[in-house]
Amino acid sequence: MTPLAKENVWRRSIGPRLAKAGLGWVNFQVMRRTHASLMSDLGVEGKLVADQLGHSLDVNQNVYTQSAVAKRQDAVNRLEISLNGVQTEFTIPEGAVIN
């Protein structure tokens, strides 16, 4: 039995499903980052995720895993409280792009 070529799987299966969901712009790297970030949010051990992605823990944490916006927002709010003793309401504007 011949193994499936990743380009063939992407073109025939994954790409059309992403397009149907309005995510035609998504590429393989976006899916890897999403996987790493969601697994981190779920509390899955970083080494396990790195093994799934075929990278070292360092590459997984520093390249693929991104912090959730809610966690970033919480960190800013906690810092503000520690500095000022007061928290102003910090929210991400609708439609803002967070890198």
Protein backbone atom coordinates (compact mmCIF):
# COMPACT_ATOMS: atom_id res chain seq x y z
CA MET A 1 0.00 0.00 0.00
CA THR A 2 1.36 3.42 -0.97
CA PRO A 3 1.37 6.11 1.74
CA LEU A 4 -0.70 9.23 1.12
CA ALA A 5 1.16 12.32 -0.05
CA LYS A 6 0.48 15.28 2.26
CA GLU A 7 -0.15 17.61 -0.70
CA ASN A 8 -2.75 15.20 -2.05
CA VAL A 9 -4.52 14.90 1.31
CA TRP A 10 -4.51 18.66 1.70
CA ARG A 11 -5.85 19.31 -1.81
CA ARG A 12 -8.55 16.63 -1.73
CA SER A 13 -9.70 16.59 1.90
CA ILE A 14 -8.46 19.31 4.21
CA GLY A 15 -8.43 22.32 1.86
CA PRO A 16 -12.02 21.92 0.62
CA ARG A 17 -13.34 21.48 4.17
CA LEU A 18 -11.52 24.60 5.34
CA ALA A 19 -12.86 26.54 2.36
CA LYS A 20 -16.40 25.36 3.08
CA ALA A 21 -16.03 26.63 6.66
CA GLY A 22 -14.81 30.03 5.38
CA LEU A 23 -11.22 29.26 6.33
CA GLY A 24 -9.71 28.91 2.87
CA TRP A 25 -6.80 31.12 3.92
CA VAL A 26 -5.62 28.61 6.55
CA ASN A 27 -2.42 26.73 5.74
CA PHE A 28 -0.56 23.86 7.38
CA GLN A 29 1.46 26.18 9.65
CA VAL A 30 -1.70 27.84 10.96
CA MET A 31 -3.12 24.43 11.81
CA ARG A 32 0.09 23.43 13.63
CA ARG A 33 0.04 26.66 15.67
CA THR A 34 -3.64 26.22 16.45
CA HIS A 35 -3.05 22.64 17.58
CA ALA A 36 -0.13 23.62 19.82
CA SER A 37 -1.97 26.59 21.32
CA LEU A 38 -5.22 24.72 22.00
CA MET A 39 -3.37 21.81 23.59
CA SER A 40 -1.50 24.27 25.83
CA ASP A 41 -4.79 25.92 26.84
CA LEU A 42 -6.13 22.47 27.73
CA GLY A 43 -3.15 21.91 30.02
CA VAL A 44 -1.59 19.14 27.94
CA GLU A 45 2.08 18.62 28.78
CA GLY A 46 4.32 20.62 26.43
CA LYS A 47 6.64 17.68 25.75
CA LEU A 48 3.70 15.56 24.58
CA VAL A 49 2.59 18.28 22.16
CA ALA A 50 6.18 18.71 20.94
CA ASP A 51 6.36 14.98 20.26
CA GLN A 52 3.09 15.14 18.30
CA LEU A 53 4.43 17.98 16.18
CA GLY A 54 7.81 16.34 15.75
CA HIS A 55 9.78 19.16 17.34
CA SER A 56 11.77 19.79 20.48
CA LEU A 57 10.00 21.30 23.48
CA ASP A 58 11.87 24.57 22.86
CA VAL A 59 10.60 24.90 19.27
CA ASN A 60 7.09 23.94 20.34
CA GLN A 61 6.95 26.55 23.11
CA ASN A 62 8.78 29.36 21.31
CA VAL A 63 7.53 28.96 17.74
CA TYR A 64 4.19 27.18 17.68
CA THR A 65 2.43 27.83 20.98
CA GLN A 66 0.75 31.21 21.38
CA SER A 67 -0.95 32.54 24.49
CA ALA A 68 -4.71 32.81 24.42
CA VAL A 69 -6.07 36.36 24.26
CA ALA A 70 -8.01 35.79 27.49
CA LYS A 71 -4.79 34.80 29.29
CA ARG A 72 -3.00 37.88 27.93
CA GLN A 73 -5.89 40.07 29.06
CA ASP A 74 -5.83 38.50 32.53
CA ALA A 75 -2.07 39.07 32.81
CA VAL A 76 -2.43 42.77 31.92
CA ASN A 77 -5.27 43.18 34.43
CA ARG A 78 -3.28 41.45 37.20
CA LEU A 79 -0.23 43.61 36.49
CA GLU A 80 -2.33 46.76 36.62
CA ILE A 81 -3.80 45.76 39.98
CA SER A 82 -0.35 45.03 41.39
CA LEU A 83 0.99 48.41 40.24
CA ASN A 84 -2.01 50.64 40.93
CA GLY A 85 -4.09 48.68 43.39
CA VAL A 86 -6.98 49.31 41.00
CA GLN A 87 -8.06 47.68 37.79
CA THR A 88 -9.52 49.59 34.92
CA GLU A 89 -11.54 47.48 32.54
CA PHE A 90 -9.14 46.29 29.84
CA THR A 91 -10.85 44.66 26.89
CA ILE A 92 -9.76 43.84 23.37
CA PRO A 93 -11.65 45.98 20.83
CA GLU A 94 -13.96 44.03 18.54
CA GLY A 95 -12.17 43.09 15.33
CA ALA A 96 -8.69 43.79 16.71
CA VAL A 97 -5.89 41.60 15.41
CA ILE A 98 -3.68 40.12 18.12
CA ASN A 99 -0.29 38.67 17.12
